[in-house]
Amino acid sequence: MSRKQFWVSALLSSLTMAVIMSGLLSGYKLGFNHLWPAIWFDSFIIAWPVALTLNLTVLPQVRKLSSWLAGTPPTPQA
């Protein structure tokens, strides 16, 4: 994976996770009503930086662990 692809992947996957999870959880906890879009956006503003940070720090370790558990050599990171 190239360095550019690594960053694009990290940005897009964290964006996708943050949008879906913040939307679903805020709607589930507070209800899907007319206030929900504003609450979703507020939750997303917090969730995306957290998801991106975890994607850049924890995900490489999870990949190493999964490779070890599966008995396959880890793929090199960019």
PDB file of N, CA and C in Angstrom:
ATOM      1  N   MET A   1       0.850  -1.173   0.000  1.00  0.00           N
ATOM      2  CA  MET A   1       0.000   0.000   0.000  1.00  0.00           C
ATOM      3  C   MET A   1       0.896   1.236   0.000  1.00  0.00           C
ATOM      4  N   SER A   2       0.632   2.133  -0.925  1.00  0.00           N
ATOM      5  CA  SER A   2       1.439   3.348  -0.989  1.00  0.00           C
ATOM      6  C   SER A   2       1.082   4.283   0.169  1.00  0.00           C
ATOM      7  N   ARG A   3       1.950   5.227   0.430  1.00  0.00           N
ATOM      8  CA  ARG A   3       1.718   6.187   1.510  1.00  0.00           C
ATOM      9  C   ARG A   3       0.441   6.995   1.256  1.00  0.00           C
ATOM     10  N   LYS A   4       0.249   7.397  -0.005  1.00  0.00           N
ATOM     11  CA  LYS A   4      -0.955   8.163  -0.350  1.00  0.00           C
ATOM     12  C   LYS A   4      -2.207   7.313  -0.137  1.00  0.00           C
ATOM     13  N   GLN A   5      -2.159   6.066  -0.573  1.00  0.00           N
ATOM     14  CA  GLN A   5      -3.300   5.175  -0.392  1.00  0.00           C
ATOM     15  C   GLN A   5      -3.576   4.928   1.086  1.00  0.00           C
ATOM     16  N   PHE A   6      -2.525   4.814   1.891  1.00  0.00           N
ATOM     17  CA  PHE A   6      -2.689   4.633   3.334  1.00  0.00           C
ATOM     18  C   PHE A   6      -3.471   5.796   3.935  1.00  0.00           C
ATOM     19  N   TRP A   7      -3.085   7.034   3.597  1.00  0.00           N
ATOM     20  CA  TRP A   7      -3.761   8.211   4.151  1.00  0.00           C
ATOM     21  C   TRP A   7      -5.188   8.355   3.643  1.00  0.00           C
ATOM     22  N   VAL A   8      -5.393   8.120   2.355  1.00  0.00           N
ATOM     23  CA  VAL A   8      -6.748   8.204   1.797  1.00  0.00           C
ATOM     24  C   VAL A   8      -7.639   7.148   2.441  1.00  0.00           C
ATOM     25  N   SER A   9      -7.121   5.947   2.592  1.00  0.00           N
ATOM     26  CA  SER A   9      -7.868   4.873   3.240  1.00  0.00           C
ATOM     27  C   SER A   9      -8.198   5.217   4.692  1.00  0.00           C
ATOM     28  N   ALA A  10      -7.230   5.750   5.418  1.00  0.00           N
ATOM     29  CA  ALA A  10      -7.459   6.124   6.818  1.00  0.00           C
ATOM     30  C   ALA A  10      -8.523   7.216   6.931  1.00  0.00           C
ATOM     31  N   LEU A  11      -8.460   8.208   6.056  1.00  0.00           N
ATOM     32  CA  LEU A  11      -9.443   9.294   6.088  1.00  0.00           C
ATOM     33  C   LEU A  11     -10.842   8.793   5.735  1.00  0.00           C
ATOM     34  N   LEU A  12     -10.934   8.012   4.661  1.00  0.00           N
ATOM     35  CA  LEU A  12     -12.249   7.549   4.231  1.00  0.00           C
ATOM     36  C   LEU A  12     -12.878   6.540   5.189  1.00  0.00           C
ATOM     37  N   SER A  13     -12.085   5.625   5.705  1.00  0.00           N
ATOM     38  CA  SER A  13     -12.655   4.637   6.630  1.00  0.00           C
ATOM     39  C   SER A  13     -13.070   5.284   7.943  1.00  0.00           C
ATOM     40  N   SER A  14     -12.276   6.226   8.448  1.00  0.00           N
ATOM     41  CA  SER A  14     -12.663   6.899   9.689  1.00  0.00           C
ATOM     42  C   SER A  14     -13.881   7.790   9.463  1.00  0.00           C
ATOM     43  N   LEU A  15     -13.967   8.444   8.314  1.00  0.00           N
ATOM     44  CA  LEU A  15     -15.138   9.261   7.987  1.00  0.00           C
ATOM     45  C   LEU A  15     -16.391   8.395   7.935  1.00  0.00           C
ATOM     46  N   THR A  16     -16.300   7.275   7.247  1.00  0.00           N
ATOM     47  CA  THR A  16     -17.451   6.375   7.118  1.00  0.00           C
ATOM     48  C   THR A  16     -17.903   5.857   8.476  1.00  0.00           C
ATOM     49  N   MET A  17     -16.958   5.395   9.278  1.00  0.00           N
ATOM     50  CA  MET A  17     -17.311   4.882  10.605  1.00  0.00           C
ATOM     51  C   MET A  17     -17.912   5.969  11.481  1.00  0.00           C
ATOM     52  N   ALA A  18     -17.337   7.162  11.453  1.00  0.00           N
ATOM     53  CA  ALA A  18     -17.828   8.249  12.299  1.00  0.00           C
ATOM     54  C   ALA A  18     -19.232   8.683  11.892  1.00  0.00           C
ATOM     55  N   VAL A  19     -19.488   8.789  10.590  1.00  0.00           N
ATOM     56  CA  VAL A  19     -20.818   9.194  10.116  1.00  0.00           C
ATOM     57  C   VAL A  19     -21.871   8.170  10.535  1.00  0.00           C
ATOM     58  N   ILE A  20     -21.584   6.905  10.268  1.00  0.00           N
ATOM     59  CA  ILE A  20     -22.576   5.862  10.549  1.00  0.00           C
ATOM     60  C   ILE A  20     -22.787   5.677  12.049  1.00  0.00           C
ATOM     61  N   MET A  21     -21.707   5.548  12.798  1.00  0.00           N
ATOM     62  CA  MET A  21     -21.843   5.274  14.226  1.00  0.00           C
ATOM     63  C   MET A  21     -22.434   6.458  14.986  1.00  0.00           C
ATOM     64  N   SER A  22     -21.982   7.675  14.700  1.00  0.00           N
ATOM     65  CA  SER A  22     -22.536   8.825  15.415  1.00  0.00           C
ATOM     66  C   SER A  22     -24.005   9.020  15.067  1.00  0.00           C
ATOM     67  N   GLY A  23     -24.368   8.780  13.805  1.00  0.00           N
ATOM     68  CA  GLY A  23     -25.767   8.913  13.400  1.00  0.00           C
ATOM     69  C   GLY A  23     -26.663   7.879  14.044  1.00  0.00           C
ATOM     70  N   LEU A  24     -26.244   6.630  13.997  1.00  0.00           N
ATOM     71  CA  LEU A  24     -27.062   5.571  14.577  1.00  0.00           C
ATOM     72  C   LEU A  24     -27.185   5.686  16.095  1.00  0.00           C
ATOM     73  N   LEU A  25     -26.065   5.928  16.756  1.00  0.00           N
ATOM     74  CA  LEU A  25     -26.108   5.992  18.212  1.00  0.00           C
ATOM     75  C   LEU A  25     -26.858   7.223  18.723  1.00  0.00           C
ATOM     76  N   SER A  26     -26.670   8.366  18.083  1.00  0.00           N
ATOM     77  CA  SER A  26     -27.410   9.557  18.529  1.00  0.00           C
ATOM     78  C   SER A  26     -28.898   9.387  18.262  1.00  0.00           C
ATOM     79  N   GLY A  27     -29.256   8.809  17.142  1.00  0.00           N
ATOM     80  CA  GLY A  27     -30.668   8.568  16.862  1.00  0.00           C
ATOM     81  C   GLY A  27     -31.279   7.544  17.799  1.00  0.00           C
ATOM     82  N   TYR A  28     -30.544   6.496  18.096  1.00  0.00           N
ATOM     83  CA  TYR A  28     -31.042   5.464  19.007  1.00  0.00           C
ATOM     84  C   TYR A  28     -31.232   6.016  20.417  1.00  0.00           C
ATOM     85  N   LYS A  29     -30.262   6.764  20.906  1.00  0.00           N
ATOM     86  CA  LYS A  29     -30.325   7.269  22.278  1.00  0.00           C
ATOM     87  C   LYS A  29     -31.315   8.421  22.452  1.00  0.00           C
ATOM     88  N   LEU A  30     -31.385   9.318  21.472  1.00  0.00           N
ATOM     89  CA  LEU A  30     -32.180  10.534  21.634  1.00  0.00           C
ATOM     90  C   LEU A  30     -33.428  10.566  20.765  1.00  0.00           C
ATOM     91  N   GLY A  31     -33.564   9.622  19.864  1.00  0.00           N
ATOM     92  CA  GLY A  31     -34.732   9.556  18.997  1.00  0.00           C
ATOM     93  C   GLY A  31     -34.473  10.201  17.652  1.00  0.00           C
ATOM     94  N   PHE A  32     -35.085   9.628  16.635  1.00  0.00           N
ATOM     95  CA  PHE A  32     -34.968  10.160  15.278  1.00  0.00           C
ATOM     96  C   PHE A  32     -36.090  11.173  15.063  1.00  0.00           C
ATOM     97  N   ASN A  33     -35.857  12.391  15.540  1.00  0.00           N
ATOM     98  CA  ASN A  33     -36.853  13.441  15.417  1.00  0.00           C
ATOM     99  C   ASN A  33     -36.254  14.639  14.694  1.00  0.00           C
ATOM    100  N   HIS A  34     -36.933  15.775  14.721  1.00  0.00           N
ATOM    101  CA  HIS A  34     -36.462  16.955  13.996  1.00  0.00           C
ATOM    102  C   HIS A  34     -35.156  17.530  14.556  1.00  0.00           C
ATOM    103  N   LEU A  35     -34.803  17.203  15.790  1.00  0.00           N
ATOM    104  CA  LEU A  35     -33.550  17.676  16.387  1.00  0.00           C
ATOM    105  C   LEU A  35     -32.362  16.765  16.054  1.00  0.00           C
ATOM    106  N   TRP A  36     -32.669  15.600  15.547  1.00  0.00           N
ATOM    107  CA  TRP A  36     -31.640  14.596  15.323  1.00  0.00           C
ATOM    108  C   TRP A  36     -30.513  15.039  14.390  1.00  0.00           C
ATOM    109  N   PRO A  37     -30.760  15.693  13.245  1.00  0.00           N
ATOM    110  CA  PRO A  37     -29.631  16.071  12.379  1.00  0.00           C
ATOM    111  C   PRO A  37     -28.595  16.965  13.077  1.00  0.00           C
ATOM    112  N   ALA A  38     -29.038  17.919  13.873  1.00  0.00           N
ATOM    113  CA  ALA A  38     -28.092  18.790  14.592  1.00  0.00           C
ATOM    114  C   ALA A  38     -27.314  18.000  15.641  1.00  0.00           C
ATOM    115  N   ILE A  39     -27.991  17.094  16.321  1.00  0.00           N
ATOM    116  CA  ILE A  39     -27.323  16.260  17.332  1.00  0.00           C
ATOM    117  C   ILE A  39     -26.328  15.330  16.648  1.00  0.00           C
ATOM    118  N   TRP A  40     -26.711  14.775  15.508  1.00  0.00           N
ATOM    119  CA  TRP A  40     -25.829  13.903  14.732  1.00  0.00           C
ATOM    120  C   TRP A  40     -24.569  14.662  14.338  1.00  0.00           C
ATOM    121  N   PHE A  41     -24.734  15.872  13.831  1.00  0.00           N
ATOM    122  CA  PHE A  41     -23.582  16.653  13.403  1.00  0.00           C
ATOM    123  C   PHE A  41     -22.645  16.937  14.581  1.00  0.00           C
ATOM    124  N   ASP A  42     -23.201  17.322  15.731  1.00  0.00           N
ATOM    125  CA  ASP A  42     -22.375  17.562  16.916  1.00  0.00           C
ATOM    126  C   ASP A  42     -21.608  16.302  17.319  1.00  0.00           C
ATOM    127  N   SER A  43     -22.283  15.172  17.269  1.00  0.00           N
ATOM    128  CA  SER A  43     -21.624  13.903  17.610  1.00  0.00           C
ATOM    129  C   SER A  43     -20.542  13.562  16.596  1.00  0.00           C
ATOM    130  N   PHE A  44     -20.808  13.827  15.329  1.00  0.00           N
ATOM    131  CA  PHE A  44     -19.842  13.539  14.274  1.00  0.00           C
ATOM    132  C   PHE A  44     -18.576  14.373  14.434  1.00  0.00           C
ATOM    133  N   ILE A  45     -18.723  15.644  14.806  1.00  0.00           N
ATOM    134  CA  ILE A  45     -17.572  16.537  14.981  1.00  0.00           C
ATOM    135  C   ILE A  45     -16.612  15.976  16.039  1.00  0.00           C
ATOM    136  N   ILE A  46     -17.146  15.302  17.018  1.00  0.00           N
ATOM    137  CA  ILE A  46     -16.306  14.665  18.048  1.00  0.00           C
ATOM    138  C   ILE A  46     -15.804  13.307  17.555  1.00  0.00           C
ATOM    139  N   ALA A  47     -16.671  12.559  16.889  1.00  0.00           N
ATOM    140  CA  ALA A  47     -16.353  11.176  16.527  1.00  0.00           C
ATOM    141  C   ALA A  47     -15.278  11.057  15.448  1.00  0.00           C
ATOM    142  N   TRP A  48     -15.274  11.956  14.450  1.00  0.00           N
ATOM    143  CA  TRP A  48     -14.335  11.772  13.350  1.00  0.00           C
ATOM    144  C   TRP A  48     -12.872  11.913  13.774  1.00  0.00           C
ATOM    145  N   PRO A  49     -12.500  12.946  14.533  1.00  0.00           N
ATOM    146  CA  PRO A  49     -11.090  13.001  14.964  1.00  0.00           C
ATOM    147  C   PRO A  49     -10.692  11.794  15.824  1.00  0.00           C
ATOM    148  N   VAL A  50     -11.631  11.317  16.646  1.00  0.00           N
ATOM    149  CA  VAL A  50     -11.333  10.145  17.472  1.00  0.00           C
ATOM    150  C   VAL A  50     -11.142   8.918  16.582  1.00  0.00           C
ATOM    151  N   ALA A  51     -12.042   8.729  15.617  1.00  0.00           N
ATOM    152  CA  ALA A  51     -11.941   7.581  14.709  1.00  0.00           C
ATOM    153  C   ALA A  51     -10.659   7.642  13.885  1.00  0.00           C
ATOM    154  N   LEU A  52     -10.297   8.820  13.417  1.00  0.00           N
ATOM    155  CA  LEU A  52      -9.071   8.961  12.624  1.00  0.00           C
ATOM    156  C   LEU A  52      -7.842   8.650  13.474  1.00  0.00           C
ATOM    157  N   THR A  53      -7.805   9.161  14.680  1.00  0.00           N
ATOM    158  CA  THR A  53      -6.677   8.889  15.584  1.00  0.00           C
ATOM    159  C   THR A  53      -6.548   7.393  15.862  1.00  0.00           C
ATOM    160  N   LEU A  54      -7.672   6.750  16.143  1.00  0.00           N
ATOM    161  CA  LEU A  54      -7.643   5.305  16.388  1.00  0.00           C
ATOM    162  C   LEU A  54      -7.248   4.543  15.131  1.00  0.00           C
ATOM    163  N   ASN A  55      -7.720   5.001  13.993  1.00  0.00           N
ATOM    164  CA  ASN A  55      -7.373   4.358  12.736  1.00  0.00           C
ATOM    165  C   ASN A  55      -5.874   4.428  12.459  1.00  0.00           C
ATOM    166  N   LEU A  56      -5.254   5.511  12.839  1.00  0.00           N
ATOM    167  CA  LEU A  56      -3.823   5.690  12.589  1.00  0.00           C
ATOM    168  C   LEU A  56      -2.942   5.044  13.654  1.00  0.00           C
ATOM    169  N   THR A  57      -3.463   4.843  14.849  1.00  0.00           N
ATOM    170  CA  THR A  57      -2.636   4.315  15.936  1.00  0.00           C
ATOM    171  C   THR A  57      -2.968   2.872  16.312  1.00  0.00           C
ATOM    172  N   VAL A  58      -4.228   2.557  16.460  1.00  0.00           N
ATOM    173  CA  VAL A  58      -4.626   1.230  16.930  1.00  0.00           C
ATOM    174  C   VAL A  58      -4.766   0.235  15.777  1.00  0.00           C
ATOM    175  N   LEU A  59      -5.300   0.677  14.651  1.00  0.00           N
ATOM    176  CA  LEU A  59      -5.548  -0.246  13.542  1.00  0.00           C
ATOM    177  C   LEU A  59      -4.294  -0.978  13.069  1.00  0.00           C
ATOM    178  N   PRO A  60      -3.139  -0.321  12.937  1.00  0.00           N
ATOM    179  CA  PRO A  60      -1.940  -1.091  12.550  1.00  0.00           C
ATOM    180  C   PRO A  60      -1.602  -2.203  13.551  1.00  0.00           C
ATOM    181  N   GLN A  61      -1.833  -1.961  14.826  1.00  0.00           N
ATOM    182  CA  GLN A  61      -1.577  -2.994  15.831  1.00  0.00           C
ATOM    183  C   GLN A  61      -2.587  -4.131  15.723  1.00  0.00           C
ATOM    184  N   VAL A  62      -3.842  -3.788  15.421  1.00  0.00           N
ATOM    185  CA  VAL A  62      -4.874  -4.808  15.220  1.00  0.00           C
ATOM    186  C   VAL A  62      -4.533  -5.667  14.007  1.00  0.00           C
ATOM    187  N   ARG A  63      -4.034  -5.046  12.949  1.00  0.00           N
ATOM    188  CA  ARG A  63      -3.636  -5.809  11.764  1.00  0.00           C
ATOM    189  C   ARG A  63      -2.491  -6.771  12.077  1.00  0.00           C
ATOM    190  N   LYS A  64      -1.521  -6.305  12.865  1.00  0.00           N
ATOM    191  CA  LYS A  64      -0.414  -7.188  13.260  1.00  0.00           C
ATOM    192  C   LYS A  64      -0.924  -8.355  14.091  1.00  0.00           C
ATOM    193  N   LEU A  65      -1.816  -8.074  15.042  1.00  0.00           N
ATOM    194  CA  LEU A  65      -2.376  -9.129  15.884  1.00  0.00           C
ATOM    195  C   LEU A  65      -3.177 -10.122  15.049  1.00  0.00           C
ATOM    196  N   SER A  66      -3.981  -9.629  14.126  1.00  0.00           N
ATOM    197  CA  SER A  66      -4.778 -10.540  13.306  1.00  0.00           C
ATOM    198  C   SER A  66      -3.887 -11.404  12.411  1.00  0.00           C
ATOM    199  N   SER A  67      -2.800 -10.833  11.898  1.00  0.00           N
ATOM    200  CA  SER A  67      -1.848 -11.628  11.107  1.00  0.00           C
ATOM    201  C   SER A  67      -1.205 -12.702  11.960  1.00  0.00           C
ATOM    202  N   TRP A  68      -0.837 -12.347  13.179  1.00  0.00           N
ATOM    203  CA  TRP A  68      -0.220 -13.311  14.090  1.00  0.00           C
ATOM    204  C   TRP A  68      -1.201 -14.427  14.438  1.00  0.00           C
ATOM    205  N   LEU A  69      -2.451 -14.041  14.740  1.00  0.00           N
ATOM    206  CA  LEU A  69      -3.462 -15.046  15.087  1.00  0.00           C
ATOM    207  C   LEU A  69      -3.787 -15.968  13.915  1.00  0.00           C
ATOM    208  N   ALA A  70      -3.760 -15.414  12.709  1.00  0.00           N
ATOM    209  CA  ALA A  70      -4.061 -16.200  11.523  1.00  0.00           C
ATOM    210  C   ALA A  70      -2.856 -16.987  11.024  1.00  0.00           C
ATOM    211  N   GLY A  71      -1.688 -16.693  11.578  1.00  0.00           N
ATOM    212  CA  GLY A  71      -0.483 -17.401  11.180  1.00  0.00           C
ATOM    213  C   GLY A  71       0.060 -16.979   9.832  1.00  0.00           C
ATOM    214  N   THR A  72      -0.238 -15.754   9.433  1.00  0.00           N
ATOM    215  CA  THR A  72       0.268 -15.222   8.149  1.00  0.00           C
ATOM    216  C   THR A  72       1.228 -14.070   8.442  1.00  0.00           C
ATOM    217  N   PRO A  73       2.204 -13.872   7.560  1.00  0.00           N
ATOM    218  CA  PRO A  73       3.137 -12.760   7.792  1.00  0.00           C
ATOM    219  C   PRO A  73       2.420 -11.423   7.612  1.00  0.00           C
ATOM    220  N   PRO A  74       2.718 -10.440   8.460  1.00  0.00           N
ATOM    221  CA  PRO A  74       2.078  -9.131   8.315  1.00  0.00           C
ATOM    222  C   PRO A  74       2.533  -8.435   7.039  1.00  0.00           C
ATOM    223  N   THR A  75       1.635  -7.664   6.460  1.00  0.00           N
ATOM    224  CA  THR A  75       1.985  -6.890   5.274  1.00  0.00           C
ATOM    225  C   THR A  75       2.665  -5.602   5.710  1.00  0.00           C
ATOM    226  N   PRO A  76       3.684  -5.140   4.979  1.00  0.00           N
ATOM    227  CA  PRO A  76       4.384  -3.925   5.376  1.00  0.00           C
ATOM    228  C   PRO A  76       3.496  -2.690   5.235  1.00  0.00           C
ATOM    229  N   GLN A  77       3.640  -1.755   6.169  1.00  0.00           N
ATOM    230  CA  GLN A  77       2.878  -0.505   6.137  1.00  0.00           C
ATOM    231  C   GLN A  77       3.696   0.556   5.427  1.00  0.00           C
ATOM    232  N   ALA A  78       2.975   1.548   4.864  1.00  0.00           N
ATOM    233  CA  ALA A  78       3.649   2.668   4.192  1.00  0.00           C
ATOM    234  C   ALA A  78       4.191   3.641   5.215  1.00  0.00           C
TER     235      ALA A  78
END
